[in-house]
Protein backbone atom coordinates (compact mmCIF):
# COMPACT_ATOMS: atom_id res chain seq x y z
CA SER A 1 -1.00 42.05 18.79
CA ILE A 2 1.93 44.44 19.01
CA PHE A 3 1.22 45.79 15.53
CA SER A 4 -2.28 46.92 16.55
CA ILE A 5 -0.89 48.64 19.66
CA VAL A 6 1.71 50.52 17.59
CA THR A 7 -0.96 51.52 15.06
CA PHE A 8 -3.24 52.71 17.85
CA LEU A 9 -0.44 54.83 19.37
CA LYS A 10 0.47 56.39 16.02
CA GLU A 11 -3.14 57.32 15.22
CA ASP A 12 -3.74 59.03 18.56
CA TRP A 13 -0.27 60.36 19.39
CA LYS A 14 -1.51 63.59 21.01
CA ASN A 15 -3.44 61.79 23.74
CA THR A 16 -0.58 59.35 24.11
CA VAL A 17 1.77 62.21 24.95
CA LEU A 18 -0.79 63.82 27.29
CA LEU A 19 -1.16 60.59 29.26
CA ALA A 20 2.60 60.20 29.67
CA VAL A 21 2.43 62.91 32.37
CA PRO A 22 0.16 61.09 34.87
CA ALA A 23 1.82 57.75 34.07
CA THR A 24 5.19 59.26 35.00
CA ALA A 25 3.71 60.77 38.17
CA TYR A 26 2.33 57.39 39.24
CA SER A 27 5.69 55.73 38.56
CA VAL A 28 7.43 58.34 40.70
CA GLN A 29 4.84 57.70 43.39
CA MET A 30 5.57 53.97 43.42
CA THR A 31 9.31 54.62 43.71
CA LEU A 32 8.78 57.06 46.56
CA GLU A 33 6.70 54.45 48.40
CA TYR A 34 9.75 52.19 48.61
CA VAL A 35 11.83 55.08 49.98
CA ALA A 36 9.15 55.96 52.53
CA PHE A 37 8.70 52.36 53.73
CA LYS A 38 12.45 52.01 54.19
CA ASN A 39 12.71 55.12 56.36
CA ILE A 40 9.51 55.37 58.44
CA ASP A 41 7.28 52.91 60.21
CA PRO A 42 3.95 51.85 58.63
CA ALA A 43 1.85 53.75 61.19
CA MET A 44 3.51 57.07 60.38
CA PHE A 45 3.22 56.33 56.66
CA SER A 46 -0.51 55.64 56.92
CA VAL A 47 -1.03 58.91 58.78
CA LEU A 48 1.05 61.05 56.43
CA VAL A 49 -0.27 59.55 53.22
CA GLN A 50 -3.71 60.91 54.09
CA MET A 51 -2.43 64.23 52.74
CA LYS A 52 -3.41 62.86 49.33
CA MET A 53 -6.89 64.25 49.93
CA LEU A 54 -5.58 67.75 50.59
CA THR A 55 -3.13 67.77 47.68
CA THR A 56 -5.85 66.51 45.33
CA ALA A 57 -8.07 69.39 46.43
CA PHE A 58 -5.18 71.83 45.90
CA PHE A 59 -4.52 70.56 42.37
CA PHE A 60 -8.26 70.49 41.68
CA ARG A 61 -8.18 74.25 42.32
CA THR A 62 -4.94 75.05 40.50
CA VAL A 63 -5.11 72.71 37.48
CA LEU A 64 -8.85 72.65 36.81
CA GLY A 65 -9.48 76.16 38.12
CA LYS A 66 -12.52 75.09 40.12
CA ARG A 67 -13.21 76.56 43.52
CA GLN A 68 -14.43 74.55 46.44
CA LYS A 69 -17.11 75.91 48.70
CA LYS A 70 -16.19 76.83 52.26
CA LYS A 71 -18.27 73.90 53.51
CA GLN A 72 -16.35 71.51 51.24
CA ILE A 73 -12.97 72.78 52.46
CA ILE A 74 -13.97 72.44 56.12
CA SER A 75 -15.32 68.94 55.45
CA LEU A 76 -12.12 67.94 53.67
CA VAL A 77 -9.90 69.18 56.49
CA LEU A 78 -12.06 67.47 59.13
CA LEU A 79 -12.05 64.23 57.15
CA THR A 80 -8.27 64.31 56.74
CA VAL A 81 -7.66 65.07 60.42
CA GLY A 82 -10.14 62.39 61.46
CA VAL A 83 -8.51 59.72 59.31
CA MET A 84 -5.07 60.75 60.56
CA LEU A 85 -6.21 60.53 64.17
CA CYS A 86 -7.70 57.08 63.59
CA ASN A 87 -4.43 55.84 62.07
CA MET A 88 -2.15 57.32 64.72
CA ARG A 89 -0.74 55.18 67.44
CA ILE A 90 1.76 55.71 70.20
CA PRO A 91 4.90 53.79 69.29
CA ASP A 92 6.05 51.11 71.69
CA PRO A 93 9.82 51.51 72.23
CA SER A 94 10.28 47.75 72.48
CA SER A 95 8.54 47.01 69.15
CA THR A 96 10.47 46.15 66.00
CA ASP A 97 8.70 48.93 64.04
CA ALA A 98 10.27 51.57 66.28
CA GLN A 99 13.70 49.95 65.89
CA ASP A 100 13.33 49.77 62.11
CA ALA A 101 12.28 53.41 61.92
CA GLU A 102 15.37 54.42 63.91
CA SER A 103 17.64 52.68 61.42
CA GLY A 104 16.25 54.79 58.54
CA ASN A 105 16.27 58.52 58.02
CA ARG A 106 12.90 59.74 59.28
CA TYR A 107 13.10 63.06 57.37
CA VAL A 108 13.72 61.28 54.08
CA GLY A 109 10.69 59.07 54.74
CA ILE A 110 8.49 62.06 55.57
CA LEU A 111 9.62 63.94 52.46
CA ALA A 112 9.02 60.84 50.32
CA THR A 113 5.50 60.52 51.73
CA ILE A 114 4.78 64.18 50.99
CA GLY A 115 6.05 63.55 47.46
CA ILE A 116 3.67 60.59 47.19
CA ALA A 117 0.74 62.77 48.21
CA CYS A 118 1.66 65.51 45.73
CA SER A 119 2.30 63.07 42.89
CA SER A 120 -0.96 61.25 43.46
CA GLY A 121 -3.00 64.44 43.73
CA PHE A 122 -1.51 65.93 40.58
CA ALA A 123 -1.79 62.74 38.53
CA SER A 124 -5.44 62.16 39.38
CA VAL A 125 -6.49 65.74 38.63
CA TYR A 126 -4.41 65.91 35.45
CA THR A 127 -5.95 62.62 34.24
CA GLU A 128 -9.41 64.06 34.86
CA LYS A 129 -8.48 67.15 32.86
CA VAL A 130 -7.19 65.10 29.92
CA ILE A 131 -10.24 62.83 29.89
CA LYS A 132 -12.68 65.74 30.08
CA SER A 133 -10.88 67.73 27.37
CA SER A 134 -10.75 64.83 24.92
CA ARG A 135 -13.58 63.65 22.73
CA LYS A 136 -12.15 60.14 22.31
CA LYS A 137 -13.27 57.03 24.17
CA ILE A 138 -12.05 56.66 27.75
CA THR A 139 -11.10 53.00 27.31
CA GLY A 140 -8.25 53.90 24.98
CA LYS A 141 -6.84 56.21 27.63
CA GLY A 142 -6.79 53.41 30.19
CA VAL A 143 -4.84 51.25 27.75
CA LYS A 144 -2.31 54.03 27.19
CA MET A 145 -1.81 54.58 30.94
CA GLU A 146 -1.18 50.86 31.34
CA GLU A 147 1.31 50.86 28.46
CA TYR A 148 3.31 53.66 30.06
CA GLY A 149 3.15 51.92 33.41
CA LEU A 150 4.55 48.73 31.90
CA ALA A 151 7.29 50.66 30.12
CA TYR A 152 8.37 52.41 33.34
CA MET A 153 8.30 49.19 35.36
CA GLN A 154 10.72 47.51 32.96
């Protein structure tokens, strides 16, 4: 019931506030996806969104303060480049995707996709930090993230 949700939020208000940060980042990410899809073709989006792996590694280092080994960094870069190469395609000038991409602002789409990668990387690492720093049950945190997501979607 709604009363039990309100009681739960009042009792654990500190974690509720902490989880508002990644919930907001994921909401921003979803909004930026609409902007990106409007301005670039799906092939370019699928290539650029692979930067999520690199931004997650960057935030892993900056937020959690953990260093990656040289081997891990090289593997991450090779994986990202490999996935990007697999998703790349040469656009056909007669296709509708190329015409749709020309009607939008390509730079806005690229910047939106970079924003998606940064938002996703930060939100996932920040969520890990909150979960590891808390002594409460993880299931309550999932409920709180969903509550914020529903609030932002309305």
